[in-house]
Amino acid sequence: MKVLGSFFGLGISSRGMSIQRKKMDLISQNIANAESVRTTDGQPYQRKTLDVKENQNSFAAKLNIEGQMLKLNTKHSDHFAANNSSSVSLPQIQSGVEITEKIDSKPGEMIYMPEHPDADDKGYVQMSNVNVLNEMVDMIAATRSYEANLTALNSSKQMIKDSLEI
């Protein structure tokens, strides 16, 4: 039996950790630029978000097994299907998620500051659309999700380590 199948848990957990790290990076950028009223393009800073959704080309999406039983192709009712090298056949599993960085185009609040160099003809300045409180809540959620993935990763490592001792 191939040991490679034992490492899928490591891949899933590390992918989850990478996604949460990217979320925390974007949240950090948002907080750092929350008061930026002018970026290099002359516009107020726009909040960045991470869109994570199921990859339609993933293994699970191709199975389309909702509510159905899976049948294993076996040579004997007590065994998994094996190829000629006497290793268990495992499907090629692709990443199950697509990650896209998006910019929140919602306009920021207009504040009256006639002395500000970026004020319009009526004296209003458009602020960034970042709400620092919401960003902090999102940061806490991303941190907890990262920690949960780290715990799962460590559990997978321990199971692999324990299986090697047998």
N, C-alpha and C. Protein backbone atom coordinates (compact mmCIF):
# COMPACT_ATOMS: atom_id res chain seq x y z
N MET A 1 0.85 -1.19 0.00
CA MET A 1 0.00 0.00 0.00
C MET A 1 0.88 1.24 0.00
N LYS A 2 0.54 2.21 -0.81
CA LYS A 2 1.33 3.44 -0.89
C LYS A 2 1.15 4.27 0.37
N VAL A 3 2.23 4.89 0.80
CA VAL A 3 2.17 5.78 1.96
C VAL A 3 1.62 7.14 1.55
N LEU A 4 1.67 7.45 0.24
CA LEU A 4 1.23 8.74 -0.25
C LEU A 4 -0.17 9.09 0.21
N GLY A 5 -1.06 8.11 0.30
CA GLY A 5 -2.42 8.36 0.73
C GLY A 5 -2.49 8.92 2.14
N SER A 6 -1.50 8.63 2.95
CA SER A 6 -1.48 9.12 4.32
C SER A 6 -1.19 10.60 4.40
N PHE A 7 -0.63 11.16 3.34
CA PHE A 7 -0.23 12.56 3.37
C PHE A 7 -1.31 13.52 2.88
N PHE A 8 -2.47 13.01 2.44
CA PHE A 8 -3.54 13.89 1.98
C PHE A 8 -4.01 14.83 3.08
N GLY A 9 -4.06 14.33 4.31
CA GLY A 9 -4.46 15.17 5.44
C GLY A 9 -3.51 16.33 5.64
N LEU A 10 -2.22 16.08 5.43
CA LEU A 10 -1.23 17.16 5.55
C LEU A 10 -1.46 18.22 4.48
N GLY A 11 -1.76 17.78 3.26
CA GLY A 11 -1.98 18.71 2.17
C GLY A 11 -3.22 19.57 2.38
N ILE A 12 -4.28 18.95 2.86
CA ILE A 12 -5.52 19.68 3.10
C ILE A 12 -5.33 20.72 4.19
N SER A 13 -4.69 20.32 5.29
CA SER A 13 -4.47 21.25 6.40
C SER A 13 -3.54 22.38 6.01
N SER A 14 -2.47 22.05 5.28
CA SER A 14 -1.53 23.10 4.89
C SER A 14 -2.16 24.06 3.89
N ARG A 15 -3.05 23.56 3.03
CA ARG A 15 -3.76 24.44 2.09
C ARG A 15 -4.68 25.39 2.87
N GLY A 16 -5.36 24.87 3.87
CA GLY A 16 -6.20 25.71 4.71
C GLY A 16 -5.40 26.77 5.44
N MET A 17 -4.21 26.39 5.92
CA MET A 17 -3.34 27.36 6.60
C MET A 17 -2.87 28.44 5.63
N SER A 18 -2.55 28.06 4.40
CA SER A 18 -2.11 29.03 3.39
C SER A 18 -3.22 30.03 3.07
N ILE A 19 -4.44 29.54 2.97
CA ILE A 19 -5.58 30.43 2.68
C ILE A 19 -5.78 31.41 3.82
N GLN A 20 -5.72 30.93 5.06
CA GLN A 20 -5.93 31.82 6.21
C GLN A 20 -4.78 32.83 6.34
N ARG A 21 -3.55 32.40 5.99
CA ARG A 21 -2.42 33.33 6.02
C ARG A 21 -2.63 34.44 4.99
N LYS A 22 -3.11 34.08 3.80
CA LYS A 22 -3.39 35.08 2.77
C LYS A 22 -4.49 36.02 3.23
N LYS A 23 -5.53 35.48 3.88
CA LYS A 23 -6.59 36.34 4.42
C LYS A 23 -6.03 37.32 5.44
N MET A 24 -5.15 36.83 6.33
CA MET A 24 -4.57 37.70 7.35
C MET A 24 -3.68 38.77 6.71
N ASP A 25 -2.98 38.43 5.63
CA ASP A 25 -2.17 39.42 4.92
C ASP A 25 -3.04 40.53 4.34
N LEU A 26 -4.17 40.15 3.72
CA LEU A 26 -5.07 41.15 3.15
C LEU A 26 -5.70 42.01 4.24
N ILE A 27 -6.08 41.39 5.34
CA ILE A 27 -6.67 42.14 6.45
C ILE A 27 -5.65 43.13 7.01
N SER A 28 -4.40 42.71 7.12
CA SER A 28 -3.34 43.60 7.60
C SER A 28 -3.17 44.80 6.66
N GLN A 29 -3.21 44.54 5.36
CA GLN A 29 -3.13 45.64 4.39
C GLN A 29 -4.31 46.58 4.54
N ASN A 30 -5.50 46.01 4.73
CA ASN A 30 -6.70 46.84 4.89
C ASN A 30 -6.59 47.73 6.11
N ILE A 31 -6.15 47.16 7.24
CA ILE A 31 -6.03 47.95 8.47
C ILE A 31 -4.97 49.03 8.31
N ALA A 32 -3.85 48.68 7.69
CA ALA A 32 -2.76 49.65 7.51
C ALA A 32 -3.19 50.81 6.62
N ASN A 33 -4.09 50.57 5.68
CA ASN A 33 -4.51 51.61 4.74
C ASN A 33 -5.90 52.16 5.03
N ALA A 34 -6.42 51.89 6.21
CA ALA A 34 -7.79 52.32 6.55
C ALA A 34 -7.96 53.83 6.47
N GLU A 35 -6.92 54.58 6.73
CA GLU A 35 -7.01 56.04 6.71
C GLU A 35 -6.45 56.65 5.43
N SER A 36 -6.11 55.82 4.45
CA SER A 36 -5.53 56.33 3.19
C SER A 36 -6.64 56.87 2.30
N VAL A 37 -6.56 58.16 2.02
CA VAL A 37 -7.56 58.78 1.15
C VAL A 37 -7.06 58.91 -0.29
N ARG A 38 -5.76 58.65 -0.49
CA ARG A 38 -5.24 58.71 -1.85
C ARG A 38 -4.18 57.63 -2.04
N THR A 39 -4.40 56.80 -3.05
CA THR A 39 -3.42 55.78 -3.41
C THR A 39 -2.66 56.28 -4.64
N THR A 40 -1.84 55.45 -5.23
CA THR A 40 -1.06 55.87 -6.39
C THR A 40 -1.93 56.24 -7.58
N ASP A 41 -3.15 55.70 -7.65
CA ASP A 41 -4.05 56.06 -8.75
C ASP A 41 -4.93 57.27 -8.41
N GLY A 42 -4.68 57.89 -7.26
CA GLY A 42 -5.40 59.10 -6.88
C GLY A 42 -6.75 58.87 -6.22
N GLN A 43 -7.12 57.63 -6.00
CA GLN A 43 -8.40 57.29 -5.40
C GLN A 43 -8.20 56.83 -3.96
N PRO A 44 -9.27 56.84 -3.15
CA PRO A 44 -9.15 56.30 -1.79
C PRO A 44 -8.86 54.80 -1.84
N TYR A 45 -8.22 54.31 -0.80
CA TYR A 45 -7.91 52.88 -0.71
C TYR A 45 -9.21 52.09 -0.71
N GLN A 46 -9.24 51.00 -1.47
CA GLN A 46 -10.39 50.11 -1.54
C GLN A 46 -10.06 48.81 -0.81
N ARG A 47 -10.97 48.38 0.03
CA ARG A 47 -10.81 47.17 0.83
C ARG A 47 -10.60 45.95 -0.06
N LYS A 48 -9.64 45.10 0.31
CA LYS A 48 -9.37 43.86 -0.42
C LYS A 48 -9.95 42.68 0.35
N THR A 49 -10.53 41.74 -0.38
CA THR A 49 -11.08 40.54 0.23
C THR A 49 -10.57 39.31 -0.52
N LEU A 50 -10.73 38.17 0.11
CA LEU A 50 -10.33 36.91 -0.50
C LEU A 50 -11.58 36.08 -0.72
N ASP A 51 -11.84 35.71 -1.96
CA ASP A 51 -12.99 34.89 -2.30
C ASP A 51 -12.52 33.45 -2.44
N VAL A 52 -13.04 32.57 -1.60
CA VAL A 52 -12.67 31.16 -1.61
C VAL A 52 -13.92 30.36 -1.95
N LYS A 53 -13.86 29.61 -3.05
CA LYS A 53 -15.02 28.79 -3.42
C LYS A 53 -14.56 27.45 -3.97
N GLU A 54 -15.49 26.53 -4.05
CA GLU A 54 -15.18 25.18 -4.51
C GLU A 54 -14.70 25.19 -5.95
N ASN A 55 -13.65 24.44 -6.21
CA ASN A 55 -13.14 24.26 -7.56
C ASN A 55 -14.03 23.24 -8.26
N GLN A 56 -14.65 23.64 -9.33
CA GLN A 56 -15.57 22.75 -10.04
C GLN A 56 -14.85 21.61 -10.75
N ASN A 57 -13.52 21.69 -10.86
CA ASN A 57 -12.74 20.62 -11.48
C ASN A 57 -12.15 19.68 -10.45
N SER A 58 -12.56 19.82 -9.20
CA SER A 58 -11.99 18.99 -8.14
C SER A 58 -12.53 17.57 -8.23
N PHE A 59 -11.87 16.68 -7.52
CA PHE A 59 -12.26 15.27 -7.49
C PHE A 59 -13.68 15.10 -6.97
N ALA A 60 -14.01 15.77 -5.87
CA ALA A 60 -15.34 15.62 -5.27
C ALA A 60 -16.43 16.13 -6.21
N ALA A 61 -16.17 17.22 -6.93
CA ALA A 61 -17.17 17.76 -7.84
C ALA A 61 -17.41 16.81 -9.01
N LYS A 62 -16.38 16.10 -9.44
CA LYS A 62 -16.54 15.16 -10.55
C LYS A 62 -17.28 13.90 -10.13
N LEU A 63 -17.21 13.55 -8.85
CA LEU A 63 -17.93 12.37 -8.37
C LEU A 63 -19.44 12.55 -8.48
N ASN A 64 -19.92 13.74 -8.11
CA ASN A 64 -21.34 14.03 -8.14
C ASN A 64 -22.12 12.91 -7.44
N ILE A 65 -21.79 12.68 -6.17
CA ILE A 65 -22.33 11.53 -5.45
C ILE A 65 -23.37 11.89 -4.41
N GLU A 66 -23.88 13.08 -4.44
CA GLU A 66 -24.82 13.50 -3.40
C GLU A 66 -25.99 12.53 -3.32
N GLY A 67 -26.13 11.88 -2.17
CA GLY A 67 -27.23 10.96 -1.94
C GLY A 67 -27.05 9.60 -2.59
N GLN A 68 -25.87 9.30 -3.15
CA GLN A 68 -25.64 8.02 -3.80
C GLN A 68 -24.58 7.23 -3.05
N MET A 69 -24.59 5.93 -3.25
CA MET A 69 -23.57 5.06 -2.66
C MET A 69 -22.40 4.95 -3.62
N LEU A 70 -21.19 4.90 -3.08
CA LEU A 70 -20.00 4.67 -3.90
C LEU A 70 -19.72 3.17 -3.96
N LYS A 71 -19.43 2.68 -5.15
CA LYS A 71 -19.07 1.28 -5.30
C LYS A 71 -17.58 1.21 -5.59
N LEU A 72 -16.87 0.37 -4.85
CA LEU A 72 -15.45 0.18 -5.08
C LEU A 72 -15.24 -1.01 -6.01
N ASN A 73 -14.35 -0.85 -6.96
CA ASN A 73 -14.00 -1.93 -7.87
C ASN A 73 -12.99 -2.82 -7.15
N THR A 74 -13.42 -4.01 -6.77
CA THR A 74 -12.55 -4.90 -5.99
C THR A 74 -12.45 -6.25 -6.65
N LYS A 75 -11.34 -6.92 -6.39
CA LYS A 75 -11.16 -8.29 -6.87
C LYS A 75 -11.75 -9.29 -5.88
N HIS A 76 -11.80 -8.88 -4.65
CA HIS A 76 -12.36 -9.72 -3.60
C HIS A 76 -13.15 -8.79 -2.69
N SER A 77 -14.22 -9.25 -2.11
CA SER A 77 -15.08 -8.37 -1.32
C SER A 77 -14.39 -7.82 -0.07
N ASP A 78 -13.27 -8.40 0.33
CA ASP A 78 -12.56 -7.92 1.52
C ASP A 78 -11.40 -6.99 1.21
N HIS A 79 -11.15 -6.69 -0.06
CA HIS A 79 -9.97 -5.92 -0.44
C HIS A 79 -10.33 -4.70 -1.28
N PHE A 80 -9.43 -3.72 -1.23
CA PHE A 80 -9.51 -2.59 -2.15
C PHE A 80 -8.95 -3.02 -3.49
N ALA A 81 -9.32 -2.32 -4.54
CA ALA A 81 -8.76 -2.61 -5.86
C ALA A 81 -7.28 -2.27 -5.86
N ALA A 82 -6.47 -3.20 -6.33
CA ALA A 82 -5.02 -2.98 -6.36
C ALA A 82 -4.53 -3.06 -7.80
N ASN A 83 -3.50 -2.28 -8.12
CA ASN A 83 -2.91 -2.37 -9.45
C ASN A 83 -1.79 -3.40 -9.41
N ASN A 84 -1.06 -3.57 -10.51
CA ASN A 84 -0.04 -4.62 -10.60
C ASN A 84 1.12 -4.43 -9.63
N SER A 85 1.38 -3.22 -9.18
CA SER A 85 2.49 -3.00 -8.26
C SER A 85 2.07 -3.23 -6.82
N SER A 86 0.95 -3.87 -6.62
CA SER A 86 0.37 -4.19 -5.30
C SER A 86 0.23 -2.97 -4.40
N SER A 87 -0.15 -1.85 -5.00
CA SER A 87 -0.45 -0.66 -4.20
C SER A 87 -1.90 -0.28 -4.46
N VAL A 88 -2.52 0.30 -3.48
CA VAL A 88 -3.92 0.68 -3.60
C VAL A 88 -4.05 1.81 -4.60
N SER A 89 -5.02 1.73 -5.50
CA SER A 89 -5.25 2.77 -6.49
C SER A 89 -5.91 3.97 -5.83
N LEU A 90 -5.30 5.11 -5.96
CA LEU A 90 -5.86 6.34 -5.40
C LEU A 90 -6.11 7.33 -6.53
N PRO A 91 -7.22 8.04 -6.50
CA PRO A 91 -7.47 9.02 -7.55
C PRO A 91 -6.52 10.21 -7.43
N GLN A 92 -6.29 10.86 -8.54
CA GLN A 92 -5.48 12.08 -8.52
C GLN A 92 -6.37 13.20 -8.00
N ILE A 93 -6.10 13.69 -6.82
CA ILE A 93 -6.93 14.71 -6.20
C ILE A 93 -6.32 16.08 -6.44
N GLN A 94 -7.10 16.96 -7.03
CA GLN A 94 -6.65 18.33 -7.26
C GLN A 94 -7.10 19.18 -6.08
N SER A 95 -6.61 20.39 -6.06
CA SER A 95 -7.02 21.31 -5.01
C SER A 95 -8.52 21.53 -5.12
N GLY A 96 -9.22 21.49 -4.00
CA GLY A 96 -10.67 21.58 -4.01
C GLY A 96 -11.21 22.99 -3.94
N VAL A 97 -10.34 24.01 -3.93
CA VAL A 97 -10.82 25.38 -3.82
C VAL A 97 -10.13 26.29 -4.83
N GLU A 98 -10.86 27.33 -5.23
CA GLU A 98 -10.31 28.40 -6.06
C GLU A 98 -10.22 29.64 -5.19
N ILE A 99 -9.10 30.33 -5.25
CA ILE A 99 -8.89 31.52 -4.43
C ILE A 99 -8.74 32.72 -5.36
N THR A 100 -9.53 33.75 -5.11
CA THR A 100 -9.48 34.96 -5.91
C THR A 100 -9.42 36.17 -4.99
N GLU A 101 -8.47 37.06 -5.24
CA GLU A 101 -8.40 38.31 -4.48
C GLU A 101 -9.32 39.31 -5.17
N LYS A 102 -10.21 39.91 -4.40
CA LYS A 102 -11.17 40.87 -4.96
C LYS A 102 -11.04 42.21 -4.25
N ILE A 103 -11.46 43.25 -4.95
CA ILE A 103 -11.46 44.59 -4.38
C ILE A 103 -12.91 45.01 -4.17
N ASP A 104 -13.22 45.43 -2.95
CA ASP A 104 -14.56 45.89 -2.60
C ASP A 104 -14.74 47.29 -3.19
N SER A 105 -15.63 47.42 -4.16
CA SER A 105 -15.81 48.69 -4.86
C SER A 105 -16.81 49.62 -4.19
N LYS A 106 -17.33 49.22 -3.05
CA LYS A 106 -18.28 50.07 -2.32
C LYS A 106 -17.57 51.39 -1.95
N PRO A 107 -18.20 52.53 -2.20
CA PRO A 107 -17.54 53.80 -1.89
C PRO A 107 -17.42 54.02 -0.38
N GLY A 108 -16.35 54.71 -0.01
CA GLY A 108 -16.14 55.03 1.39
C GLY A 108 -16.99 56.22 1.82
N GLU A 109 -16.94 56.52 3.10
CA GLU A 109 -17.72 57.61 3.67
C GLU A 109 -17.17 58.96 3.20
N MET A 110 -18.08 59.91 2.98
CA MET A 110 -17.69 61.28 2.61
C MET A 110 -17.66 62.12 3.88
N ILE A 111 -16.52 62.74 4.15
CA ILE A 111 -16.34 63.55 5.37
C ILE A 111 -16.01 64.98 4.96
N TYR A 112 -16.64 65.91 5.67
CA TYR A 112 -16.43 67.33 5.37
C TYR A 112 -15.10 67.79 5.97
N MET A 113 -14.14 68.10 5.11
CA MET A 113 -12.83 68.64 5.50
C MET A 113 -12.37 69.59 4.40
N PRO A 114 -12.87 70.82 4.40
CA PRO A 114 -12.56 71.74 3.30
C PRO A 114 -11.08 72.09 3.17
N GLU A 115 -10.30 71.97 4.25
CA GLU A 115 -8.88 72.31 4.19
C GLU A 115 -8.01 71.16 3.66
N HIS A 116 -8.58 69.97 3.51
CA HIS A 116 -7.82 68.80 3.03
C HIS A 116 -7.49 68.97 1.54
N PRO A 117 -6.26 68.63 1.13
CA PRO A 117 -5.89 68.79 -0.28
C PRO A 117 -6.70 67.93 -1.25
N ASP A 118 -7.30 66.85 -0.78
CA ASP A 118 -8.10 65.98 -1.64
C ASP A 118 -9.59 66.30 -1.59
N ALA A 119 -9.97 67.40 -0.95
CA ALA A 119 -11.38 67.77 -0.83
C ALA A 119 -11.93 68.16 -2.20
N ASP A 120 -13.20 67.80 -2.44
CA ASP A 120 -13.84 68.21 -3.69
C ASP A 120 -14.27 69.67 -3.59
N ASP A 121 -14.98 70.18 -4.59
CA ASP A 121 -15.36 71.60 -4.60
C ASP A 121 -16.34 71.96 -3.49
N LYS A 122 -17.00 70.96 -2.89
CA LYS A 122 -17.92 71.22 -1.78
C LYS A 122 -17.23 71.02 -0.43
N GLY A 123 -15.96 70.61 -0.42
CA GLY A 123 -15.21 70.45 0.82
C GLY A 123 -15.25 69.05 1.40
N TYR A 124 -15.75 68.07 0.65
CA TYR A 124 -15.85 66.70 1.15
C TYR A 124 -14.69 65.84 0.63
N VAL A 125 -14.24 64.94 1.50
CA VAL A 125 -13.18 64.00 1.14
C VAL A 125 -13.75 62.59 1.27
N GLN A 126 -13.54 61.79 0.23
CA GLN A 126 -13.99 60.40 0.30
C GLN A 126 -12.93 59.58 1.00
N MET A 127 -13.35 58.91 2.07
CA MET A 127 -12.44 58.09 2.87
C MET A 127 -12.39 56.67 2.29
N SER A 128 -11.49 55.88 2.81
CA SER A 128 -11.40 54.47 2.40
C SER A 128 -12.64 53.74 2.91
N ASN A 129 -12.98 52.63 2.26
CA ASN A 129 -14.17 51.87 2.66
C ASN A 129 -13.85 50.76 3.67
N VAL A 130 -12.75 50.89 4.40
CA VAL A 130 -12.33 49.89 5.38
C VAL A 130 -12.92 50.23 6.75
N ASN A 131 -13.60 49.26 7.35
CA ASN A 131 -14.09 49.38 8.72
C ASN A 131 -13.13 48.58 9.60
N VAL A 132 -12.33 49.27 10.40
CA VAL A 132 -11.28 48.62 11.18
C VAL A 132 -11.86 47.60 12.15
N LEU A 133 -13.00 47.88 12.74
CA LEU A 133 -13.62 46.94 13.68
C LEU A 133 -13.97 45.62 12.98
N ASN A 134 -14.57 45.71 11.80
CA ASN A 134 -14.90 44.49 11.04
C ASN A 134 -13.64 43.74 10.64
N GLU A 135 -12.60 44.48 10.29
CA GLU A 135 -11.34 43.84 9.91
C GLU A 135 -10.73 43.09 11.09
N MET A 136 -10.83 43.65 12.29
CA MET A 136 -10.30 42.98 13.48
C MET A 136 -11.08 41.70 13.77
N VAL A 137 -12.39 41.75 13.60
CA VAL A 137 -13.21 40.54 13.79
C VAL A 137 -12.82 39.48 12.77
N ASP A 138 -12.63 39.90 11.50
CA ASP A 138 -12.21 38.96 10.47
C ASP A 138 -10.82 38.40 10.77
N MET A 139 -9.94 39.22 11.35
CA MET A 139 -8.59 38.77 11.70
C MET A 139 -8.65 37.69 12.79
N ILE A 140 -9.51 37.89 13.77
CA ILE A 140 -9.66 36.89 14.84
C ILE A 140 -10.19 35.58 14.26
N ALA A 141 -11.18 35.67 13.37
CA ALA A 141 -11.75 34.46 12.76
C ALA A 141 -10.69 33.74 11.92
N ALA A 142 -9.90 34.49 11.15
CA ALA A 142 -8.85 33.88 10.33
C ALA A 142 -7.79 33.23 11.20
N THR A 143 -7.45 33.87 12.32
CA THR A 143 -6.45 33.32 13.23
C THR A 143 -6.94 32.01 13.84
N ARG A 144 -8.19 31.98 14.25
CA ARG A 144 -8.75 30.75 14.83
C ARG A 144 -8.83 29.63 13.80
N SER A 145 -9.18 29.97 12.59
CA SER A 145 -9.22 28.97 11.53
C SER A 145 -7.82 28.44 11.23
N TYR A 146 -6.84 29.33 11.23
CA TYR A 146 -5.45 28.93 11.03
C TYR A 146 -5.02 27.95 12.13
N GLU A 147 -5.37 28.29 13.37
CA GLU A 147 -5.02 27.43 14.50
C GLU A 147 -5.70 26.06 14.40
N ALA A 148 -6.95 26.03 13.93
CA ALA A 148 -7.65 24.76 13.76
C ALA A 148 -6.97 23.90 12.70
N ASN A 149 -6.55 24.53 11.60
CA ASN A 149 -5.84 23.80 10.56
C ASN A 149 -4.48 23.31 11.06
N LEU A 150 -3.83 24.11 11.88
CA LEU A 150 -2.55 23.71 12.46
C LEU A 150 -2.72 22.50 13.38
N THR A 151 -3.79 22.49 14.16
CA THR A 151 -4.08 21.35 15.03
C THR A 151 -4.33 20.09 14.20
N ALA A 152 -5.09 20.23 13.11
CA ALA A 152 -5.34 19.08 12.23
C ALA A 152 -4.05 18.61 11.58
N LEU A 153 -3.19 19.53 11.18
CA LEU A 153 -1.90 19.18 10.59
C LEU A 153 -1.04 18.40 11.58
N ASN A 154 -0.97 18.89 12.81
CA ASN A 154 -0.19 18.21 13.84
C ASN A 154 -0.76 16.83 14.16
N SER A 155 -2.09 16.71 14.14
CA SER A 155 -2.71 15.40 14.37
C SER A 155 -2.36 14.43 13.25
N SER A 156 -2.39 14.91 12.01
CA SER A 156 -2.02 14.06 10.87
C SER A 156 -0.57 13.63 10.97
N LYS A 157 0.29 14.56 11.33
CA LYS A 157 1.71 14.22 11.49
C LYS A 157 1.90 13.16 12.57
N GLN A 158 1.18 13.31 13.67
CA GLN A 158 1.31 12.34 14.76
C GLN A 158 0.80 10.96 14.34
N MET A 159 -0.30 10.93 13.58
CA MET A 159 -0.82 9.64 13.11
C MET A 159 0.17 8.96 12.17
N ILE A 160 0.79 9.73 11.28
CA ILE A 160 1.79 9.17 10.37
C ILE A 160 2.98 8.66 11.17
N LYS A 161 3.42 9.45 12.13
CA LYS A 161 4.55 9.05 12.97
C LYS A 161 4.22 7.77 13.73
N ASP A 162 3.02 7.70 14.30
CA ASP A 162 2.62 6.50 15.04
C ASP A 162 2.52 5.28 14.13
N SER A 163 2.05 5.49 12.89
CA SER A 163 1.93 4.35 11.97
C SER A 163 3.29 3.82 11.55
N LEU A 164 4.31 4.66 11.55
CA LEU A 164 5.66 4.21 11.20
C LEU A 164 6.29 3.39 12.32
N GLU A 165 5.79 3.55 13.53
CA GLU A 165 6.32 2.80 14.67
C GLU A 165 5.76 1.39 14.75
N ILE A 166 4.70 1.13 14.03
CA ILE A 166 4.05 -0.19 14.09
C ILE A 166 4.88 -1.24 13.39
